[in-house]
PDB file of N, CA and C in Angstrom:
ATOM      1  N   MET A   1      -6.155  -4.183  27.571  1.00  0.00           N
ATOM      2  CA  MET A   1      -5.216  -4.019  26.481  1.00  0.00           C
ATOM      3  C   MET A   1      -4.301  -5.239  26.451  1.00  0.00           C
ATOM      4  N   LEU A   2      -4.040  -5.701  25.255  1.00  0.00           N
ATOM      5  CA  LEU A   2      -3.242  -6.912  25.088  1.00  0.00           C
ATOM      6  C   LEU A   2      -1.741  -6.654  25.198  1.00  0.00           C
ATOM      7  N   LYS A   3      -1.051  -7.617  25.737  1.00  0.00           N
ATOM      8  CA  LYS A   3       0.401  -7.617  25.704  1.00  0.00           C
ATOM      9  C   LYS A   3       0.781  -8.458  24.477  1.00  0.00           C
ATOM     10  N   ILE A   4       1.375  -7.815  23.487  1.00  0.00           N
ATOM     11  CA  ILE A   4       1.729  -8.495  22.248  1.00  0.00           C
ATOM     12  C   ILE A   4       3.217  -8.825  22.291  1.00  0.00           C
ATOM     13  N   THR A   5       3.534 -10.078  21.969  1.00  0.00           N
ATOM     14  CA  THR A   5       4.913 -10.557  22.009  1.00  0.00           C
ATOM     15  C   THR A   5       5.230 -11.303  20.715  1.00  0.00           C
ATOM     16  N   ASP A   6       6.480 -11.695  20.574  1.00  0.00           N
ATOM     17  CA  ASP A   6       6.867 -12.509  19.428  1.00  0.00           C
ATOM     18  C   ASP A   6       6.143 -13.847  19.434  1.00  0.00           C
ATOM     19  N   ASP A   7       5.725 -14.303  20.610  1.00  0.00           N
ATOM     20  CA  ASP A   7       5.046 -15.594  20.727  1.00  0.00           C
ATOM     21  C   ASP A   7       3.574 -15.556  20.325  1.00  0.00           C
ATOM     22  N   ASN A   8       2.917 -14.394  20.448  1.00  0.00           N
ATOM     23  CA  ASN A   8       1.468 -14.369  20.204  1.00  0.00           C
ATOM     24  C   ASN A   8       1.006 -13.446  19.078  1.00  0.00           C
ATOM     25  N   TYR A   9       1.906 -12.699  18.452  1.00  0.00           N
ATOM     26  CA  TYR A   9       1.445 -11.715  17.482  1.00  0.00           C
ATOM     27  C   TYR A   9       0.762 -12.332  16.262  1.00  0.00           C
ATOM     28  N   SER A  10       1.189 -13.501  15.815  1.00  0.00           N
ATOM     29  CA  SER A  10       0.567 -14.124  14.635  1.00  0.00           C
ATOM     30  C   SER A  10      -0.920 -14.377  14.871  1.00  0.00           C
ATOM     31  N   GLU A  11      -1.246 -14.886  16.050  1.00  0.00           N
ATOM     32  CA  GLU A  11      -2.642 -15.153  16.394  1.00  0.00           C
ATOM     33  C   GLU A  11      -3.443 -13.849  16.463  1.00  0.00           C
ATOM     34  N   ILE A  12      -2.855 -12.817  17.054  1.00  0.00           N
ATOM     35  CA  ILE A  12      -3.545 -11.539  17.206  1.00  0.00           C
ATOM     36  C   ILE A  12      -3.775 -10.887  15.841  1.00  0.00           C
ATOM     37  N   LEU A  13      -2.773 -10.941  14.977  1.00  0.00           N
ATOM     38  CA  LEU A  13      -2.899 -10.297  13.666  1.00  0.00           C
ATOM     39  C   LEU A  13      -3.842 -11.040  12.733  1.00  0.00           C
ATOM     40  N   SER A  14      -4.173 -12.279  13.053  1.00  0.00           N
ATOM     41  CA  SER A  14      -5.067 -13.056  12.193  1.00  0.00           C
ATOM     42  C   SER A  14      -6.535 -12.703  12.415  1.00  0.00           C
ATOM     43  N   GLN A  15      -6.830 -11.888  13.422  1.00  0.00           N
ATOM     44  CA  GLN A  15      -8.218 -11.497  13.686  1.00  0.00           C
ATOM     45  C   GLN A  15      -8.731 -10.604  12.563  1.00  0.00           C
ATOM     46  N   ASP A  16     -10.034 -10.627  12.375  1.00  0.00           N
ATOM     47  CA  ASP A  16     -10.647  -9.839  11.308  1.00  0.00           C
ATOM     48  C   ASP A  16     -11.054  -8.454  11.821  1.00  0.00           C
ATOM     49  N   LYS A  17     -10.161  -7.836  12.555  1.00  0.00           N
ATOM     50  CA  LYS A  17     -10.384  -6.492  13.094  1.00  0.00           C
ATOM     51  C   LYS A  17      -9.116  -5.687  12.858  1.00  0.00           C
ATOM     52  N   LEU A  18      -9.253  -4.382  12.949  1.00  0.00           N
ATOM     53  CA  LEU A  18      -8.076  -3.525  12.937  1.00  0.00           C
ATOM     54  C   LEU A  18      -7.300  -3.793  14.222  1.00  0.00           C
ATOM     55  N   VAL A  19      -5.988  -3.960  14.094  1.00  0.00           N
ATOM     56  CA  VAL A  19      -5.115  -4.168  15.248  1.00  0.00           C
ATOM     57  C   VAL A  19      -4.220  -2.940  15.378  1.00  0.00           C
ATOM     58  N   VAL A  20      -4.246  -2.316  16.535  1.00  0.00           N
ATOM     59  CA  VAL A  20      -3.434  -1.135  16.817  1.00  0.00           C
ATOM     60  C   VAL A  20      -2.365  -1.551  17.809  1.00  0.00           C
ATOM     61  N   ILE A  21      -1.105  -1.406  17.410  1.00  0.00           N
ATOM     62  CA  ILE A  21       0.004  -1.844  18.257  1.00  0.00           C
ATOM     63  C   ILE A  21       0.889  -0.663  18.616  1.00  0.00           C
ATOM     64  N   ASP A  22       1.040  -0.437  19.912  1.00  0.00           N
ATOM     65  CA  ASP A  22       1.955   0.573  20.434  1.00  0.00           C
ATOM     66  C   ASP A  22       3.306  -0.106  20.657  1.00  0.00           C
ATOM     67  N   VAL A  23       4.306   0.269  19.853  1.00  0.00           N
ATOM     68  CA  VAL A  23       5.660  -0.273  20.003  1.00  0.00           C
ATOM     69  C   VAL A  23       6.405   0.679  20.927  1.00  0.00           C
ATOM     70  N   TRP A  24       6.912   0.152  22.046  1.00  0.00           N
ATOM     71  CA  TRP A  24       7.473   0.995  23.098  1.00  0.00           C
ATOM     72  C   TRP A  24       8.668   0.317  23.759  1.00  0.00           C
ATOM     73  N   ALA A  25       9.312   1.050  24.678  1.00  0.00           N
ATOM     74  CA  ALA A  25      10.391   0.519  25.521  1.00  0.00           C
ATOM     75  C   ALA A  25      10.383   1.279  26.846  1.00  0.00           C
ATOM     76  N   THR A  26      10.859   0.637  27.896  1.00  0.00           N
ATOM     77  CA  THR A  26      10.823   1.252  29.226  1.00  0.00           C
ATOM     78  C   THR A  26      11.713   2.484  29.320  1.00  0.00           C
ATOM     79  N   TRP A  27      12.812   2.530  28.587  1.00  0.00           N
ATOM     80  CA  TRP A  27      13.758   3.642  28.656  1.00  0.00           C
ATOM     81  C   TRP A  27      13.333   4.847  27.809  1.00  0.00           C
ATOM     82  N   CYS A  28      12.233   4.723  27.083  1.00  0.00           N
ATOM     83  CA  CYS A  28      11.778   5.743  26.133  1.00  0.00           C
ATOM     84  C   CYS A  28      10.800   6.711  26.806  1.00  0.00           C
ATOM     85  N   GLY A  29      11.236   7.943  27.027  1.00  0.00           N
ATOM     86  CA  GLY A  29      10.390   8.947  27.666  1.00  0.00           C
ATOM     87  C   GLY A  29       9.087   9.206  26.921  1.00  0.00           C
ATOM     88  N   PRO A  30       9.131   9.459  25.610  1.00  0.00           N
ATOM     89  CA  PRO A  30       7.880   9.668  24.876  1.00  0.00           C
ATOM     90  C   PRO A  30       6.945   8.453  24.948  1.00  0.00           C
ATOM     91  N   CYS A  31       7.516   7.248  25.022  1.00  0.00           N
ATOM     92  CA  CYS A  31       6.694   6.027  25.155  1.00  0.00           C
ATOM     93  C   CYS A  31       5.932   6.054  26.477  1.00  0.00           C
ATOM     94  N   GLN A  32       6.597   6.494  27.521  1.00  0.00           N
ATOM     95  CA  GLN A  32       5.963   6.556  28.837  1.00  0.00           C
ATOM     96  C   GLN A  32       4.826   7.576  28.846  1.00  0.00           C
ATOM     97  N   ARG A  33       5.020   8.699  28.144  1.00  0.00           N
ATOM     98  CA  ARG A  33       3.958   9.710  28.060  1.00  0.00           C
ATOM     99  C   ARG A  33       2.785   9.209  27.219  1.00  0.00           C
ATOM    100  N   LEU A  34       3.068   8.361  26.243  1.00  0.00           N
ATOM    101  CA  LEU A  34       2.029   7.835  25.364  1.00  0.00           C
ATOM    102  C   LEU A  34       1.197   6.736  26.032  1.00  0.00           C
ATOM    103  N   ALA A  35       1.762   6.041  27.005  1.00  0.00           N
ATOM    104  CA  ALA A  35       1.097   4.879  27.620  1.00  0.00           C
ATOM    105  C   ALA A  35      -0.315   5.173  28.127  1.00  0.00           C
ATOM    106  N   PRO A  36      -0.546   6.229  28.912  1.00  0.00           N
ATOM    107  CA  PRO A  36      -1.918   6.466  29.380  1.00  0.00           C
ATOM    108  C   PRO A  36      -2.867   6.867  28.249  1.00  0.00           C
ATOM    109  N   ILE A  37      -2.333   7.467  27.213  1.00  0.00           N
ATOM    110  CA  ILE A  37      -3.154   7.853  26.058  1.00  0.00           C
ATOM    111  C   ILE A  37      -3.632   6.600  25.331  1.00  0.00           C
ATOM    112  N   ILE A  38      -2.722   5.648  25.122  1.00  0.00           N
ATOM    113  CA  ILE A  38      -3.088   4.378  24.476  1.00  0.00           C
ATOM    114  C   ILE A  38      -4.124   3.645  25.323  1.00  0.00           C
ATOM    115  N   ALA A  39      -3.938   3.642  26.632  1.00  0.00           N
ATOM    116  CA  ALA A  39      -4.893   2.983  27.532  1.00  0.00           C
ATOM    117  C   ALA A  39      -6.275   3.632  27.425  1.00  0.00           C
ATOM    118  N   GLN A  40      -6.316   4.935  27.355  1.00  0.00           N
ATOM    119  CA  GLN A  40      -7.579   5.666  27.220  1.00  0.00           C
ATOM    120  C   GLN A  40      -8.258   5.311  25.894  1.00  0.00           C
ATOM    121  N   VAL A  41      -7.499   5.309  24.808  1.00  0.00           N
ATOM    122  CA  VAL A  41      -8.057   4.978  23.496  1.00  0.00           C
ATOM    123  C   VAL A  41      -8.586   3.539  23.497  1.00  0.00           C
ATOM    124  N   ALA A  42      -7.819   2.619  24.074  1.00  0.00           N
ATOM    125  CA  ALA A  42      -8.245   1.210  24.134  1.00  0.00           C
ATOM    126  C   ALA A  42      -9.578   1.081  24.857  1.00  0.00           C
ATOM    127  N   GLU A  43      -9.737   1.820  25.936  1.00  0.00           N
ATOM    128  CA  GLU A  43     -10.987   1.779  26.696  1.00  0.00           C
ATOM    129  C   GLU A  43     -12.139   2.353  25.876  1.00  0.00           C
ATOM    130  N   GLU A  44     -11.872   3.438  25.167  1.00  0.00           N
ATOM    131  CA  GLU A  44     -12.921   4.104  24.385  1.00  0.00           C
ATOM    132  C   GLU A  44     -13.374   3.276  23.181  1.00  0.00           C
ATOM    133  N   VAL A  45     -12.460   2.584  22.514  1.00  0.00           N
ATOM    134  CA  VAL A  45     -12.847   1.823  21.314  1.00  0.00           C
ATOM    135  C   VAL A  45     -13.416   0.458  21.663  1.00  0.00           C
ATOM    136  N   GLY A  46     -13.172  -0.022  22.868  1.00  0.00           N
ATOM    137  CA  GLY A  46     -13.736  -1.294  23.313  1.00  0.00           C
ATOM    138  C   GLY A  46     -13.285  -2.455  22.446  1.00  0.00           C
ATOM    139  N   ASP A  47     -14.222  -3.352  22.138  1.00  0.00           N
ATOM    140  CA  ASP A  47     -13.898  -4.564  21.394  1.00  0.00           C
ATOM    141  C   ASP A  47     -13.923  -4.387  19.877  1.00  0.00           C
ATOM    142  N   SER A  48     -14.249  -3.191  19.402  1.00  0.00           N
ATOM    143  CA  SER A  48     -14.339  -2.992  17.957  1.00  0.00           C
ATOM    144  C   SER A  48     -12.965  -3.000  17.283  1.00  0.00           C
ATOM    145  N   VAL A  49     -11.932  -2.728  18.064  1.00  0.00           N
ATOM    146  CA  VAL A  49     -10.553  -2.688  17.578  1.00  0.00           C
ATOM    147  C   VAL A  49      -9.689  -3.413  18.605  1.00  0.00           C
ATOM    148  N   VAL A  50      -8.685  -4.131  18.142  1.00  0.00           N
ATOM    149  CA  VAL A  50      -7.733  -4.777  19.044  1.00  0.00           C
ATOM    150  C   VAL A  50      -6.601  -3.783  19.305  1.00  0.00           C
ATOM    151  N   VAL A  51      -6.368  -3.455  20.569  1.00  0.00           N
ATOM    152  CA  VAL A  51      -5.300  -2.532  20.930  1.00  0.00           C
ATOM    153  C   VAL A  51      -4.329  -3.267  21.838  1.00  0.00           C
ATOM    154  N   GLY A  52      -3.037  -3.176  21.515  1.00  0.00           N
ATOM    155  CA  GLY A  52      -2.038  -3.849  22.324  1.00  0.00           C
ATOM    156  C   GLY A  52      -0.728  -3.105  22.369  1.00  0.00           C
ATOM    157  N   LYS A  53       0.133  -3.560  23.259  1.00  0.00           N
ATOM    158  CA  LYS A  53       1.459  -2.975  23.430  1.00  0.00           C
ATOM    159  C   LYS A  53       2.514  -4.037  23.143  1.00  0.00           C
ATOM    160  N   TYR A  54       3.570  -3.620  22.455  1.00  0.00           N
ATOM    161  CA  TYR A  54       4.655  -4.511  22.052  1.00  0.00           C
ATOM    162  C   TYR A  54       5.958  -3.909  22.558  1.00  0.00           C
ATOM    163  N   ASN A  55       6.588  -4.571  23.518  1.00  0.00           N
ATOM    164  CA  ASN A  55       7.818  -4.071  24.119  1.00  0.00           C
ATOM    165  C   ASN A  55       9.002  -4.378  23.198  1.00  0.00           C
ATOM    166  N   ALA A  56       9.608  -3.343  22.653  1.00  0.00           N
ATOM    167  CA  ALA A  56      10.716  -3.496  21.702  1.00  0.00           C
ATOM    168  C   ALA A  56      12.001  -3.988  22.371  1.00  0.00           C
ATOM    169  N   GLU A  57      12.059  -3.937  23.692  1.00  0.00           N
ATOM    170  CA  GLU A  57      13.254  -4.420  24.392  1.00  0.00           C
ATOM    171  C   GLU A  57      13.293  -5.945  24.448  1.00  0.00           C
ATOM    172  N   ASN A  58      12.123  -6.565  24.569  1.00  0.00           N
ATOM    173  CA  ASN A  58      12.048  -8.009  24.766  1.00  0.00           C
ATOM    174  C   ASN A  58      11.653  -8.772  23.513  1.00  0.00           C
ATOM    175  N   ASN A  59      11.309  -8.072  22.455  1.00  0.00           N
ATOM    176  CA  ASN A  59      10.804  -8.683  21.230  1.00  0.00           C
ATOM    177  C   ASN A  59      11.424  -7.967  20.041  1.00  0.00           C
ATOM    178  N   GLU A  60      11.523  -8.658  18.915  1.00  0.00           N
ATOM    179  CA  GLU A  60      12.087  -7.988  17.749  1.00  0.00           C
ATOM    180  C   GLU A  60      11.462  -8.400  16.421  1.00  0.00           C
ATOM    181  N   GLU A  61      10.679  -9.455  16.406  1.00  0.00           N
ATOM    182  CA  GLU A  61      10.139  -9.939  15.135  1.00  0.00           C
ATOM    183  C   GLU A  61       9.263  -8.913  14.429  1.00  0.00           C
ATOM    184  N   LEU A  62       8.375  -8.237  15.167  1.00  0.00           N
ATOM    185  CA  LEU A  62       7.519  -7.233  14.537  1.00  0.00           C
ATOM    186  C   LEU A  62       8.331  -6.033  14.058  1.00  0.00           C
ATOM    187  N   LEU A  63       9.401  -5.709  14.791  1.00  0.00           N
ATOM    188  CA  LEU A  63      10.247  -4.589  14.381  1.00  0.00           C
ATOM    189  C   LEU A  63      10.827  -4.858  12.998  1.00  0.00           C
ATOM    190  N   GLU A  64      11.327  -6.065  12.803  1.00  0.00           N
ATOM    191  CA  GLU A  64      11.905  -6.444  11.519  1.00  0.00           C
ATOM    192  C   GLU A  64      10.828  -6.593  10.451  1.00  0.00           C
ATOM    193  N   ARG A  65       9.746  -7.267  10.791  1.00  0.00           N
ATOM    194  CA  ARG A  65       8.689  -7.542   9.817  1.00  0.00           C
ATOM    195  C   ARG A  65       8.085  -6.266   9.237  1.00  0.00           C
ATOM    196  N   TYR A  66       7.889  -5.251  10.089  1.00  0.00           N
ATOM    197  CA  TYR A  66       7.228  -4.026   9.653  1.00  0.00           C
ATOM    198  C   TYR A  66       8.161  -2.822   9.572  1.00  0.00           C
ATOM    199  N   GLY A  67       9.458  -3.043   9.681  1.00  0.00           N
ATOM    200  CA  GLY A  67      10.424  -1.964   9.489  1.00  0.00           C
ATOM    201  C   GLY A  67      10.321  -0.838  10.495  1.00  0.00           C
ATOM    202  N   VAL A  68      10.078  -1.177  11.749  1.00  0.00           N
ATOM    203  CA  VAL A  68      10.001  -0.149  12.792  1.00  0.00           C
ATOM    204  C   VAL A  68      11.417   0.263  13.159  1.00  0.00           C
ATOM    205  N   ARG A  69      11.720   1.535  12.975  1.00  0.00           N
ATOM    206  CA  ARG A  69      13.062   2.058  13.247  1.00  0.00           C
ATOM    207  C   ARG A  69      13.093   3.013  14.436  1.00  0.00           C
ATOM    208  N   ASN A  70      11.941   3.586  14.776  1.00  0.00           N
ATOM    209  CA  ASN A  70      11.862   4.557  15.871  1.00  0.00           C
ATOM    210  C   ASN A  70      10.725   4.178  16.801  1.00  0.00           C
ATOM    211  N   ILE A  71      10.881   4.559  18.072  1.00  0.00           N
ATOM    212  CA  ILE A  71       9.796   4.359  19.017  1.00  0.00           C
ATOM    213  C   ILE A  71       9.554   5.670  19.754  1.00  0.00           C
ATOM    214  N   PRO A  72       8.339   5.919  20.179  1.00  0.00           N
ATOM    215  CA  PRO A  72       7.177   5.080  19.975  1.00  0.00           C
ATOM    216  C   PRO A  72       6.690   5.106  18.524  1.00  0.00           C
ATOM    217  N   THR A  73       6.217   3.967  18.090  1.00  0.00           N
ATOM    218  CA  THR A  73       5.536   3.842  16.802  1.00  0.00           C
ATOM    219  C   THR A  73       4.221   3.130  17.064  1.00  0.00           C
ATOM    220  N   ILE A  74       3.167   3.630  16.464  1.00  0.00           N
ATOM    221  CA  ILE A  74       1.865   2.975  16.551  1.00  0.00           C
ATOM    222  C   ILE A  74       1.562   2.411  15.166  1.00  0.00           C
ATOM    223  N   LEU A  75       1.392   1.090  15.112  1.00  0.00           N
ATOM    224  CA  LEU A  75       1.068   0.415  13.860  1.00  0.00           C
ATOM    225  C   LEU A  75      -0.427   0.154  13.796  1.00  0.00           C
ATOM    226  N   PHE A  76      -1.017   0.393  12.645  1.00  0.00           N
ATOM    227  CA  PHE A  76      -2.429   0.110  12.395  1.00  0.00           C
ATOM    228  C   PHE A  76      -2.431  -1.008  11.357  1.00  0.00           C
ATOM    229  N   ILE A  77      -2.753  -2.223  11.796  1.00  0.00           N
ATOM    230  CA  ILE A  77      -2.592  -3.408  10.954  1.00  0.00           C
ATOM    231  C   ILE A  77      -3.962  -4.007  10.637  1.00  0.00           C
ATOM    232  N   ARG A  78      -4.154  -4.265   9.351  1.00  0.00           N
ATOM    233  CA  ARG A  78      -5.387  -4.886   8.879  1.00  0.00           C
ATOM    234  C   ARG A  78      -5.005  -6.074   8.013  1.00  0.00           C
ATOM    235  N   HIS A  79      -5.528  -7.258   8.350  1.00  0.00           N
ATOM    236  CA  HIS A  79      -5.238  -8.497   7.603  1.00  0.00           C
ATOM    237  C   HIS A  79      -3.734  -8.747   7.481  1.00  0.00           C
ATOM    238  N   GLY A  80      -2.995  -8.472   8.557  1.00  0.00           N
ATOM    239  CA  GLY A  80      -1.568  -8.747   8.598  1.00  0.00           C
ATOM    240  C   GLY A  80      -0.685  -7.730   7.909  1.00  0.00           C
ATOM    241  N   GLU A  81      -1.273  -6.712   7.298  1.00  0.00           N
ATOM    242  CA  GLU A  81      -0.507  -5.684   6.593  1.00  0.00           C
ATOM    243  C   GLU A  81      -0.660  -4.340   7.296  1.00  0.00           C
ATOM    244  N   VAL A  82       0.418  -3.566   7.319  1.00  0.00           N
ATOM    245  CA  VAL A  82       0.354  -2.243   7.926  1.00  0.00           C
ATOM    246  C   VAL A  82      -0.463  -1.326   7.018  1.00  0.00           C
ATOM    247  N   ALA A  83      -1.585  -0.857   7.537  1.00  0.00           N
ATOM    248  CA  ALA A  83      -2.432   0.071   6.796  1.00  0.00           C
ATOM    249  C   ALA A  83      -1.959   1.503   7.011  1.00  0.00           C
ATOM    250  N   ASP A  84      -1.368   1.754   8.179  1.00  0.00           N
ATOM    251  CA  ASP A  84      -0.917   3.092   8.538  1.00  0.00           C
ATOM    252  C   ASP A  84       0.022   2.995   9.726  1.00  0.00           C
ATOM    253  N   ARG A  85       0.710   4.082  10.009  1.00  0.00           N
ATOM    254  CA  ARG A  85       1.558   4.141  11.197  1.00  0.00           C
ATOM    255  C   ARG A  85       1.717   5.580  11.646  1.00  0.00           C
ATOM    256  N   LEU A  86       1.912   5.746  12.933  1.00  0.00           N
ATOM    257  CA  LEU A  86       2.237   7.037  13.533  1.00  0.00           C
ATOM    258  C   LEU A  86       3.531   6.853  14.306  1.00  0.00           C
ATOM    259  N   THR A  87       4.408   7.833  14.230  1.00  0.00           N
ATOM    260  CA  THR A  87       5.659   7.772  14.976  1.00  0.00           C
ATOM    261  C   THR A  87       5.735   8.984  15.894  1.00  0.00           C
ATOM    262  N   GLY A  88       6.183   8.744  17.120  1.00  0.00           N
ATOM    263  CA  GLY A  88       6.300   9.812  18.098  1.00  0.00           C
ATOM    264  C   GLY A  88       5.086   9.841  19.018  1.00  0.00           C
ATOM    265  N   ALA A  89       5.202  10.666  20.047  1.00  0.00           N
ATOM    266  CA  ALA A  89       4.107  10.805  21.006  1.00  0.00           C
ATOM    267  C   ALA A  89       3.017  11.659  20.375  1.00  0.00           C
ATOM    268  N   VAL A  90       1.829  11.112  20.285  1.00  0.00           N
ATOM    269  CA  VAL A  90       0.700  11.817  19.682  1.00  0.00           C
ATOM    270  C   VAL A  90      -0.467  11.813  20.665  1.00  0.00           C
ATOM    271  N   ASN A  91      -1.467  12.629  20.381  1.00  0.00           N
ATOM    272  CA  ASN A  91      -2.610  12.694  21.295  1.00  0.00           C
ATOM    273  C   ASN A  91      -3.686  11.681  20.911  1.00  0.00           C
ATOM    274  N   ALA A  92      -4.645  11.513  21.802  1.00  0.00           N
ATOM    275  CA  ALA A  92      -5.709  10.527  21.606  1.00  0.00           C
ATOM    276  C   ALA A  92      -6.533  10.825  20.358  1.00  0.00           C
ATOM    277  N   ALA A  93      -6.776  12.101  20.085  1.00  0.00           N
ATOM    278  CA  ALA A  93      -7.583  12.464  18.918  1.00  0.00           C
ATOM    279  C   ALA A  93      -6.913  11.994  17.633  1.00  0.00           C
ATOM    280  N   LYS A  94      -5.603  12.124  17.539  1.00  0.00           N
ATOM    281  CA  LYS A  94      -4.870  11.696  16.343  1.00  0.00           C
ATOM    282  C   LYS A  94      -4.956  10.174  16.186  1.00  0.00           C
ATOM    283  N   ILE A  95      -4.801   9.440  17.283  1.00  0.00           N
ATOM    284  CA  ILE A  95      -4.877   7.976  17.228  1.00  0.00           C
ATOM    285  C   ILE A  95      -6.271   7.549  16.783  1.00  0.00           C
ATOM    286  N   LYS A  96      -7.309   8.172  17.352  1.00  0.00           N
ATOM    287  CA  LYS A  96      -8.686   7.824  16.985  1.00  0.00           C
ATOM    288  C   LYS A  96      -8.981   8.199  15.537  1.00  0.00           C
ATOM    289  N   GLU A  97      -8.394   9.285  15.059  1.00  0.00           N
ATOM    290  CA  GLU A  97      -8.549   9.672  13.644  1.00  0.00           C
ATOM    291  C   GLU A  97      -8.002   8.541  12.746  1.00  0.00           C
ATOM    292  N   TYR A  98      -6.842   8.013  13.087  1.00  0.00           N
ATOM    293  CA  TYR A  98      -6.238   6.930  12.301  1.00  0.00           C
ATOM    294  C   TYR A  98      -7.034   5.637  12.431  1.00  0.00           C
ATOM    295  N   ILE A  99      -7.591   5.388  13.608  1.00  0.00           N
ATOM    296  CA  ILE A  99      -8.443   4.201  13.783  1.00  0.00           C
ATOM    297  C   ILE A  99      -9.669   4.316  12.889  1.00  0.00           C
ATOM    298  N   ASN A 100     -10.328   5.454  12.903  1.00  0.00           N
ATOM    299  CA  ASN A 100     -11.520   5.667  12.073  1.00  0.00           C
ATOM    300  C   ASN A 100     -11.174   5.559  10.595  1.00  0.00           C
ATOM    301  N   LYS A 101     -10.043   6.096  10.202  1.00  0.00           N
ATOM    302  CA  LYS A 101      -9.607   6.064   8.803  1.00  0.00           C
ATOM    303  C   LYS A 101      -9.335   4.644   8.325  1.00  0.00           C
ATOM    304  N   ASN A 102      -8.881   3.770   9.213  1.00  0.00           N
ATOM    305  CA  ASN A 102      -8.453   2.427   8.813  1.00  0.00           C
ATOM    306  C   ASN A 102      -9.396   1.309   9.232  1.00  0.00           C
ATOM    307  N   SER A 103     -10.490   1.636   9.901  1.00  0.00           N
ATOM    308  CA  SER A 103     -11.440   0.587  10.348  1.00  0.00           C
ATOM    309  C   SER A 103     -12.334   0.137   9.216  1.00  0.00           C
TER     310      SER A 103
END
């Protein structure tokens, strides 16, 4: 799973694949519960989708660019535009449903 930062997100978003970004913070309890779920989904989808984590404590450009106001938020980005988003701790089936819907 990729570590997405303000320094590398432009390159990652330029790929011709669906990009799934977990926006999180260390102090966020629901983010911590979501972490193993995101890792499981990333393993299951393999290279067909780019899955990464974006720490909202150390970065802010994506928060401003895509209007992220709450965490955890999962962004589903295609060609640099948000195709969909989920907010809050969700299960793997819901994340995969959104991946299938937006791939």
